[in-house]
Every structure is written in structure tokens, then in C-alpha cells.
Amino acid sequence: MTTDEKYMSRCIQLARNGFYGAAPNPMVGAVIVHDGKIIGEGYHVRCGGPHAEVNAIRSVGNPELLKESTIYVSLEPCSHYGKTPPCADLIVEKGIPRVVVGCMDPFAKVAGRGIRKLQEAGIEVTVGVLEAECLALNRRFMTFHTHRRPYITLKWAESADGFMDGLRTDYEKEKPYAFSTPYTRMLVHRCRAGHQAILVGRQTALADNPLLNLRLWPGKSPLRLVVDRNGSLPKHLALFNDGAETRVYLDALSVHPLYGEQAGVTCVRLDFSRDILPQVLDDLYHLSVQSLLVEGGRRLLESFISAGLWDEIRVEQSPVWLKEGVPSPSWPHGRIRTTEVERHLLVHILSSRGSSAV
């Protein structure tokens, strides 16, 4: 590992501290080095707050040392006025002679402008140190700005013999098969906390009556999304009765649903004569939703897989054998990593087109 890589690795480590607060901004870490020693560090704590470079510069005890220092930052410094002033301007103002950047920012208002501004001021700029790791760190942000859609995670639990649920004849009275342990259930909520929206289909909403919120992990509950083509879901479902925001996708020709007047419920009309997935993703893009967790049933999950609209898949495989039931989706090709927890196999599949996991 080179000296630049060592300090960039520290930037990535710092940036991860902003995982639950920075969104929809990217996670960014910054380190300031003088004469081989770290004299300042910072990361982007929360959206609307100071950026990593600002926090790192403020942490330096003797500002005069900045004129003889190198600042390392995991993402290209911003060059535009948003909720905060441009970080590139601050670096120029402080007279920092060298900047090392992990990866460029695909956001249209930056996209190389920050680097050019630094170079035009006579600052030495090195770009692409631990680039793959820096891109992977912000894979949600990168996907959103590069592909103009949210980063998509598919999640389900299944039996050892590949069934998502047992056979049920009365969904109102019979509960879904519970594969998770208390610990793996907590991991599900941690996964939810890392996404801005969560999507289920009509059958899952009706059969499982889920809350789709955060209860076992701190953070903000994701925006709840339900596909209900004909608007026929009953009004009494938990999704429609806790006042939290729920967005329901309906056919443009369907009647106004009974739950449509419930607090927090927004009905969005789609053209169901066409593929609705691009329409849903376009709606989320314009809402600035950068990450989507799909916790639906087999049909909804397979529609995403068939369309190639997924970036990672998380499967909890229980040691229980059901022998019959609802088959789970087939695992698509990708980079697979497995971990065993309490005899449950946790499977993480990354799309081969995406950045490696961090």
C-alpha cells in the first residue's frame, strides 16, 4: 500500500460514519497530512451540514500548516453553491498545495469542475487513488446519478429447500412462515435503515399485513411503496393506519381506493398496459430516492430480476425444510458472498456490473 493509499483508506473509514446521516448526499471522508502526520480529519455527518473537507480543515490546530499540507478526500470536492459553499473554493482559499481525490463526482453540478477549479488555481491534484473502493462506498449515490434510478436491493427469506412460504389457504387467518431469528430480524431492520424506500406488491401487503418500518434499528423509516393495480386492498391494513407516508401505485383506470383518504397515503396513477417498473423507478428518481429495498413476493422480485433491475440481493436461508410451498426466486448470476449466523446462511449477491461491496 502506497502512502497515498494509506491516507485514502482512512478517508473511506471516516466516510462510513455518515452512512445513516449523509443521504441523499454522498458519504465523504477527508484527511489532512503535514510532514507525514495527520493533523486534521473530518467526514460529512449529515445532509445540509458542513462537508468533509470543511470539518477536516476546522479540526486543524494550527491553520498555518495548511499551506504545507496535503488534503486527501474520498470524493471530488464540490464546486457549486448548494446548502453549503464550494469546498474547492475553501481549499484554494486556505492555500493547500496538494489534493488527492479518490474518485470523481458524477453529479452534474460537479462532474470534474471541482478538480478543474483546483488545477486552475495552481494546486497539484492526484485523482483515482483507491478509486474502486471509493466508488463502492457511494454505490447508491453513483447509481442514482449515473443510471437515473435508485440503487435496488432485493431481499427475501427462504427455507433450506428453496421455499419463501408454506402453503396457505386463508391469508387473513394464517400468518406467513417466520424464517428469521431475533438476531437476523434485527439485521433486516438494519438493512431497511440503509434504504430510502421499501416496496411490496399487493399480495404481500394483503397476506402479511406488514408495517415496513424501523423498530429494531435506529434511524428513519423508509418511504413505503405498494403496488395495488386495482386499488382493492382493504382500508384496515397496517400500512394505511399509522399516519406514516405510504405511496401506492394504481392503474390509471382504477377507481379511487377506500384507503385513499387515509393520513399519509398518496396514490400515484401508472399505465399498467406498459411495464410499470420503469415508471415506478422514474417516479422515485424525481422524488430523489437514491436507494430502494424490494421486500415483495416471488412475482415482484422476479420481475426485477428478469428486467435486470437489481444491484444487490440479500437472502436469508433458514435451516428449516418446508418440502412444499411458494418457491423462492432463482438466484441470478453475480458475485456471491455467504455468512453463517445461528445456522442461517446469509447470502449477499452483487450484480457483476456494479461496484464491489464495502
Protein backbone atom coordinates (compact mmCIF):
# COMPACT_ATOMS: atom_id res chain seq x y z
CA MET A 1 0.00 0.00 0.00
CA THR A 2 1.40 3.38 -1.01
CA THR A 3 1.38 6.44 1.24
CA ASP A 4 -1.49 7.97 -0.73
CA GLU A 5 -3.48 4.74 -0.46
CA LYS A 6 -2.92 4.60 3.29
CA TYR A 7 -4.44 8.02 3.84
CA MET A 8 -7.23 7.42 1.33
CA SER A 9 -8.11 4.24 3.21
CA ARG A 10 -8.52 6.38 6.31
CA CYS A 11 -10.80 8.73 4.34
CA ILE A 12 -13.04 5.80 3.44
CA GLN A 13 -13.09 4.64 7.05
CA LEU A 14 -14.17 8.10 8.20
CA ALA A 15 -16.77 8.46 5.45
CA ARG A 16 -18.65 5.35 6.59
CA ASN A 17 -19.60 7.20 9.77
CA GLY A 18 -22.04 9.21 7.66
CA PHE A 19 -23.95 6.18 6.38
CA TYR A 20 -27.22 6.99 8.18
CA GLY A 21 -26.99 10.78 8.09
CA ALA A 22 -25.42 11.95 4.84
CA ALA A 23 -28.06 10.75 2.34
CA PRO A 24 -29.08 11.94 -0.17
CA ASN A 25 -25.59 13.44 -0.19
CA PRO A 26 -22.67 11.02 -0.64
CA MET A 27 -20.56 9.75 2.23
CA VAL A 28 -17.21 11.55 2.17
CA GLY A 29 -14.14 11.48 4.38
CA ALA A 30 -11.17 13.85 4.38
CA VAL A 31 -7.71 13.70 5.96
CA ILE A 32 -5.08 16.46 6.11
CA VAL A 33 -1.44 15.39 6.31
CA HIS A 34 1.58 17.57 7.16
CA ASP A 35 5.11 16.22 7.15
CA GLY A 36 3.91 12.61 7.31
CA LYS A 37 1.47 13.18 10.17
CA ILE A 38 -2.32 13.52 10.20
CA ILE A 39 -3.18 16.98 11.53
CA GLY A 40 -6.87 17.07 10.63
CA GLU A 41 -9.76 14.73 9.86
CA GLY A 42 -13.43 15.05 9.05
CA TYR A 43 -16.41 13.45 7.38
CA HIS A 44 -19.82 14.56 6.11
CA VAL A 45 -22.06 13.95 9.12
CA ARG A 46 -25.48 14.84 7.75
CA CYS A 47 -27.15 16.36 4.71
CA GLY A 48 -27.18 20.15 4.97
CA GLY A 49 -24.21 20.19 7.35
CA PRO A 50 -20.56 21.01 6.63
CA HIS A 51 -18.81 18.78 4.11
CA ALA A 52 -15.89 16.52 4.98
CA GLU A 53 -13.26 18.97 3.75
CA VAL A 54 -14.70 21.77 5.90
CA ASN A 55 -14.75 19.60 9.03
CA ALA A 56 -11.20 18.41 8.38
CA ILE A 57 -9.88 21.95 7.88
CA ARG A 58 -11.67 23.18 11.01
CA SER A 59 -10.06 20.38 13.04
CA VAL A 60 -6.51 21.56 12.30
CA GLY A 61 -4.97 23.15 15.37
CA ASN A 62 -2.50 25.40 13.51
CA PRO A 63 -4.09 26.70 10.27
CA GLU A 64 -0.69 27.94 9.04
CA LEU A 65 0.32 24.33 8.44
CA LEU A 66 -2.35 24.02 5.75
CA LYS A 67 -0.09 25.86 3.30
CA GLU A 68 2.41 23.00 3.56
CA SER A 69 -0.07 20.10 3.69
CA THR A 70 -1.89 17.59 1.51
CA ILE A 71 -5.62 17.04 1.82
CA TYR A 72 -6.99 13.62 0.94
CA VAL A 73 -10.69 13.35 0.11
CA SER A 74 -12.63 10.27 -0.99
CA LEU A 75 -14.81 12.19 -3.49
CA GLU A 76 -14.09 15.13 -5.75
CA PRO A 77 -14.55 18.44 -3.84
CA CYS A 78 -17.74 20.25 -4.81
CA SER A 79 -17.52 23.38 -6.95
CA HIS A 80 -21.05 24.76 -6.68
CA TYR A 81 -23.20 26.56 -4.14
CA GLY A 82 -25.82 24.28 -2.63
CA LYS A 83 -26.71 24.13 1.04
CA THR A 84 -23.04 24.94 1.72
CA PRO A 85 -20.35 26.92 -0.18
CA PRO A 86 -17.99 25.13 -2.61
CA CYS A 87 -15.30 23.05 -0.90
CA ALA A 88 -12.94 23.62 -3.85
CA ASP A 89 -13.04 27.37 -3.10
CA LEU A 90 -12.19 26.75 0.55
CA ILE A 91 -9.19 24.59 -0.37
CA VAL A 92 -7.92 27.33 -2.69
CA GLU A 93 -8.54 29.99 -0.04
CA LYS A 94 -6.55 28.07 2.59
CA GLY A 95 -3.60 27.65 0.24
CA ILE A 96 -3.40 23.86 0.45
CA PRO A 97 -0.85 22.95 -2.25
CA ARG A 98 -1.84 19.32 -2.97
CA VAL A 99 -5.16 17.48 -3.17
CA VAL A 100 -5.56 13.70 -3.55
CA VAL A 101 -9.01 12.57 -4.73
CA GLY A 102 -10.41 9.04 -4.54
CA CYS A 103 -12.97 9.31 -7.36
CA MET A 104 -14.79 11.89 -9.42
CA ASP A 105 -18.31 13.05 -8.58
CA PRO A 106 -20.91 12.14 -11.27
CA PHE A 107 -23.35 14.79 -10.00
CA ALA A 108 -23.97 17.13 -12.94
CA LYS A 109 -23.10 20.28 -10.96
CA VAL A 110 -19.66 18.87 -10.10
CA ALA A 111 -18.52 16.22 -12.64
CA GLY A 112 -14.88 17.33 -12.94
CA ARG A 113 -15.47 21.03 -12.28
CA GLY A 114 -14.07 20.79 -8.75
CA ILE A 115 -10.85 19.24 -9.99
CA ARG A 116 -10.51 21.82 -12.78
CA LYS A 117 -11.03 24.67 -10.34
CA LEU A 118 -8.24 23.35 -8.12
CA GLN A 119 -5.87 22.84 -11.05
CA GLU A 120 -6.58 26.31 -12.43
CA ALA A 121 -5.57 27.70 -9.04
CA GLY A 122 -2.18 26.00 -9.39
CA ILE A 123 -2.90 23.17 -6.96
CA GLU A 124 -1.38 19.74 -7.63
CA VAL A 125 -4.25 17.25 -7.96
CA THR A 126 -3.99 13.45 -7.97
CA VAL A 127 -7.16 11.56 -8.93
CA GLY A 128 -8.08 7.87 -8.70
CA VAL A 129 -6.40 6.65 -5.52
CA LEU A 130 -8.36 3.58 -4.31
CA GLU A 131 -10.92 4.58 -6.92
CA ALA A 132 -12.82 1.26 -6.92
CA GLU A 133 -13.20 1.35 -3.14
CA CYS A 134 -14.36 4.98 -3.21
CA LEU A 135 -16.92 4.24 -5.92
CA ALA A 136 -18.20 1.23 -3.97
CA LEU A 137 -18.54 3.32 -0.83
CA ASN A 138 -21.13 5.51 -2.55
CA ARG A 139 -22.65 2.93 -4.90
CA ARG A 140 -26.17 4.20 -4.11
CA PHE A 141 -25.25 7.79 -4.96
CA MET A 142 -23.27 6.72 -8.03
CA THR A 143 -26.08 4.54 -9.40
CA PHE A 144 -28.65 7.29 -8.90
CA HIS A 145 -26.65 9.91 -10.82
CA THR A 146 -25.24 7.55 -13.46
CA HIS A 147 -28.32 5.45 -14.27
CA ARG A 148 -31.01 7.94 -13.18
CA ARG A 149 -32.72 5.42 -10.92
CA PRO A 150 -32.39 4.26 -7.31
CA TYR A 151 -29.87 1.64 -6.27
CA ILE A 152 -32.01 -1.52 -5.99
CA THR A 153 -31.67 -4.21 -3.33
CA LEU A 154 -33.87 -7.31 -3.48
CA LYS A 155 -34.42 -9.18 -0.21
CA TRP A 156 -36.19 -12.36 0.81
CA ALA A 157 -36.00 -15.26 3.25
CA GLU A 158 -36.32 -18.89 2.23
CA SER A 159 -36.19 -22.43 3.54
CA ALA A 160 -33.22 -24.73 3.01
CA ASP A 161 -35.12 -26.34 0.14
CA GLY A 162 -35.95 -23.04 -1.56
CA PHE A 163 -39.46 -22.02 -0.47
CA MET A 164 -40.41 -18.46 0.55
CA ASP A 165 -43.52 -19.53 2.45
CA GLY A 166 -45.62 -22.54 3.26
CA LEU A 167 -48.92 -23.25 1.56
CA ARG A 168 -51.68 -21.03 2.93
CA THR A 169 -55.38 -21.19 2.09
CA ASP A 170 -56.63 -18.31 4.25
CA TYR A 171 -54.27 -15.33 4.20
CA GLU A 172 -56.43 -13.40 6.65
CA LYS A 173 -56.05 -16.06 9.37
CA GLU A 174 -52.82 -17.88 8.54
CA LYS A 175 -49.59 -15.98 9.21
CA PRO A 176 -46.54 -16.24 6.92
CA TYR A 177 -43.85 -18.72 7.88
CA ALA A 178 -41.31 -16.96 10.11
CA PHE A 179 -37.82 -17.96 8.98
CA SER A 180 -35.87 -15.30 10.89
CA THR A 181 -34.34 -15.49 14.35
CA PRO A 182 -34.43 -12.43 16.63
CA TYR A 183 -30.88 -11.60 15.52
CA THR A 184 -31.47 -11.97 11.78
CA ARG A 185 -34.72 -10.00 12.15
CA MET A 186 -32.63 -7.18 13.59
CA LEU A 187 -30.37 -7.42 10.53
CA VAL A 188 -33.45 -6.96 8.33
CA HIS A 189 -34.20 -3.69 10.10
CA ARG A 190 -30.59 -2.60 9.76
CA CYS A 191 -30.92 -3.24 6.02
CA ARG A 192 -34.11 -1.16 5.91
CA ALA A 193 -32.34 1.68 7.70
CA GLY A 194 -29.87 1.85 4.83
CA HIS A 195 -32.56 2.46 2.19
CA GLN A 196 -34.77 5.45 1.49
CA ALA A 197 -37.76 3.47 0.21
CA ILE A 198 -39.21 -0.03 0.55
CA LEU A 199 -41.53 -1.72 -1.97
CA VAL A 200 -44.00 -4.60 -1.74
CA GLY A 201 -46.73 -5.89 -4.01
CA ARG A 202 -50.43 -6.27 -3.35
CA GLN A 203 -50.22 -9.92 -2.32
CA THR A 204 -47.52 -9.29 0.30
CA ALA A 205 -49.43 -6.32 1.71
CA LEU A 206 -52.61 -8.41 1.96
CA ALA A 207 -51.13 -11.71 3.14
CA ASP A 208 -48.53 -10.42 5.60
CA ASN A 209 -50.05 -7.06 6.63
CA PRO A 210 -46.55 -5.64 7.24
CA LEU A 211 -45.66 -2.31 8.84
CA LEU A 212 -42.46 -1.93 6.76
CA ASN A 213 -40.97 0.46 9.29
CA LEU A 214 -37.94 0.52 11.61
CA ARG A 215 -38.43 -0.99 15.04
CA LEU A 216 -35.27 -2.95 15.77
CA TRP A 217 -32.67 -0.48 14.47
CA PRO A 218 -32.29 3.29 14.92
CA GLY A 219 -32.85 5.65 12.03
CA LYS A 220 -35.57 6.98 9.78
CA SER A 221 -38.14 4.53 8.42
CA PRO A 222 -38.07 4.27 4.62
CA LEU A 223 -40.83 5.60 2.40
CA ARG A 224 -43.33 2.75 1.99
CA LEU A 225 -44.39 1.79 -1.52
CA VAL A 226 -47.15 -0.62 -2.54
CA VAL A 227 -48.24 -1.81 -5.98
CA ASP A 228 -52.05 -2.18 -5.93
CA ARG A 229 -53.21 -2.10 -9.54
CA ASN A 230 -56.97 -2.03 -8.95
CA GLY A 231 -56.95 -0.18 -5.63
CA SER A 232 -58.61 -3.14 -3.94
CA LEU A 233 -56.52 -3.52 -0.80
CA PRO A 234 -58.64 -3.21 2.36
CA LYS A 235 -58.60 0.02 4.30
CA HIS A 236 -57.77 -1.66 7.62
CA LEU A 237 -54.21 -2.74 6.67
CA ALA A 238 -51.43 -1.50 8.95
CA LEU A 239 -49.78 0.37 6.07
CA PHE A 240 -52.74 2.72 5.86
CA ASN A 241 -53.39 3.33 9.55
CA ASP A 242 -50.30 4.62 11.34
CA GLY A 243 -50.09 8.03 9.65
CA ALA A 244 -46.65 7.32 8.15
CA GLU A 245 -46.05 8.13 4.50
CA THR A 246 -47.19 5.40 2.10
CA ARG A 247 -47.14 5.73 -1.69
CA VAL A 248 -49.47 3.42 -3.63
CA TYR A 249 -49.14 2.71 -7.36
CA LEU A 250 -52.51 2.24 -9.08
CA ASP A 251 -53.72 1.72 -12.63
CA ALA A 252 -54.72 5.00 -14.24
CA LEU A 253 -58.15 3.47 -14.94
CA SER A 254 -58.85 2.11 -11.45
CA VAL A 255 -61.39 3.57 -9.05
CA HIS A 256 -60.33 5.75 -6.14
CA PRO A 257 -59.44 3.31 -3.33
CA LEU A 258 -61.09 3.28 0.09
CA TYR A 259 -57.72 3.90 1.75
CA GLY A 260 -57.05 6.92 -0.49
CA GLU A 261 -58.17 9.43 2.15
CA GLN A 262 -56.12 7.92 4.98
CA ALA A 263 -53.47 10.17 6.54
CA GLY A 264 -50.08 9.79 4.88
CA VAL A 265 -51.37 7.88 1.83
CA THR A 266 -50.52 9.17 -1.65
CA CYS A 267 -51.98 7.49 -4.74
CA VAL A 268 -49.91 7.55 -7.94
CA ARG A 269 -51.50 6.56 -11.25
CA LEU A 270 -49.47 4.44 -13.70
CA ASP A 271 -50.12 2.96 -17.12
CA PHE A 272 -50.39 -0.76 -16.35
CA SER A 273 -50.73 -1.58 -20.04
CA ARG A 274 -46.96 -1.00 -20.13
CA ASP A 275 -44.17 -2.29 -17.90
CA ILE A 276 -44.64 -0.46 -14.61
CA LEU A 277 -41.12 -0.93 -13.22
CA PRO A 278 -39.55 1.88 -15.29
CA GLN A 279 -42.49 4.09 -14.31
CA VAL A 280 -42.02 3.36 -10.60
CA LEU A 281 -38.27 3.96 -10.82
CA ASP A 282 -38.80 7.20 -12.73
CA ASP A 283 -41.22 8.37 -10.04
CA LEU A 284 -38.65 7.58 -7.35
CA TYR A 285 -35.88 9.30 -9.31
CA HIS A 286 -37.91 12.51 -9.40
CA LEU A 287 -38.50 12.16 -5.65
CA SER A 288 -34.68 11.98 -5.22
CA VAL A 289 -34.95 8.48 -3.74
CA GLN A 290 -31.48 7.01 -4.21
CA SER A 291 -31.99 3.55 -2.71
CA LEU A 292 -34.86 1.08 -2.93
CA LEU A 293 -35.36 -2.14 -0.95
CA VAL A 294 -37.77 -4.62 -2.54
CA GLU A 295 -39.31 -6.97 0.04
CA GLY A 296 -42.11 -8.26 -2.14
CA GLY A 297 -43.26 -11.74 -3.05
CA ARG A 298 -41.98 -14.03 -5.76
CA ARG A 299 -43.76 -12.30 -8.65
CA LEU A 300 -42.50 -8.81 -7.84
CA LEU A 301 -38.96 -9.99 -7.09
CA GLU A 302 -38.76 -12.00 -10.30
CA SER A 303 -39.99 -9.05 -12.34
CA PHE A 304 -36.99 -7.02 -11.14
CA ILE A 305 -34.60 -9.92 -11.74
CA SER A 306 -35.95 -10.60 -15.25
CA ALA A 307 -35.61 -6.93 -16.17
CA GLY A 308 -32.04 -6.81 -14.86
CA LEU A 309 -33.13 -4.08 -12.45
CA TRP A 310 -31.15 -5.01 -9.37
CA ASP A 311 -27.81 -4.10 -7.87
CA GLU A 312 -27.64 -6.46 -4.93
CA ILE A 313 -29.66 -9.31 -3.48
CA ARG A 314 -29.83 -10.38 0.15
CA VAL A 315 -31.23 -13.80 1.00
CA GLU A 316 -31.64 -15.36 4.43
CA GLN A 317 -31.66 -19.13 4.06
CA SER A 318 -33.11 -20.95 7.06
CA PRO A 319 -32.00 -24.48 8.02
CA VAL A 320 -35.70 -25.47 8.04
CA TRP A 321 -37.04 -27.69 5.24
CA LEU A 322 -40.65 -26.99 4.18
CA LYS A 323 -40.88 -29.67 1.45
CA GLU A 324 -43.65 -27.70 -0.26
CA GLY A 325 -44.81 -24.11 -0.52
CA VAL A 326 -44.17 -20.96 -2.55
CA PRO A 327 -40.89 -21.34 -4.48
CA SER A 328 -38.38 -18.55 -3.98
CA PRO A 329 -36.79 -16.81 -6.99
CA SER A 330 -33.75 -18.43 -8.57
CA TRP A 331 -30.52 -16.70 -7.67
CA PRO A 332 -29.20 -14.77 -10.69
CA HIS A 333 -25.55 -14.70 -11.69
CA GLY A 334 -23.41 -12.32 -9.68
CA ARG A 335 -20.65 -12.15 -7.11
CA ILE A 336 -21.82 -14.23 -4.17
CA ARG A 337 -20.66 -13.90 -0.57
CA THR A 338 -22.09 -16.03 2.23
CA THR A 339 -22.00 -15.79 6.02
CA GLU A 340 -23.40 -18.26 8.52
CA VAL A 341 -25.25 -16.84 11.53
CA GLU A 342 -27.06 -19.10 14.02
CA ARG A 343 -27.19 -21.88 11.40
CA HIS A 344 -28.83 -19.44 8.95
CA LEU A 345 -26.98 -18.77 5.71
CA LEU A 346 -26.91 -15.07 4.80
CA VAL A 347 -26.34 -14.75 1.07
CA HIS A 348 -25.21 -11.47 -0.50
CA ILE A 349 -25.21 -11.30 -4.31
CA LEU A 350 -23.75 -8.29 -6.11
CA SER A 351 -24.55 -7.54 -9.72
CA SER A 352 -21.48 -8.06 -11.88
CA ARG A 353 -21.98 -4.61 -13.41
CA GLY A 354 -21.82 -2.81 -10.06
CA SER A 355 -19.09 -1.76 -7.65
CA SER A 356 -17.73 -4.25 -5.18
CA ALA A 357 -19.21 -4.24 -1.71
CA VAL A 358 -17.66 -2.37 1.17
